[in-house]
Amino acid sequence: MLAEEAPIVAVDMTLEWVWRAWHRLGDERHWQPGGMGPGQPCRIPWTAVQAWAREHGMDSETAEFLDDMIVAMEDVFSEWWREKAREAAPKPE
């Protein structure tokens, strides 16, 4: 799977909890069927991020920070996924 090809990134230890949340919440991500190509990952739902924040006792400011970080990480992930899908697509002859 393409996600296994992702590079290892050094994480600022003060933000490790954000990475942990993003990785765990990845299971909440829906997938859009690909039709003629591979499926495409959708974004982690806002409701899942909010549920995570509630479950971990976050105040509204911290929950908003988490949501902002998840959105930013999803932007990078989506672009990475699109690039990998383009690379894997059959080339016209």
Foldseek 3Di string as FASTA:
>chain_A
DVVVVDDDDDDDVVCVVLVVLLVVLQVQWDWAPDVVFHIATDARDLVSLVVVCVVVVHDPVVSVVSVVVSVVVVVVVRVSVVVVRVVPDDDDD
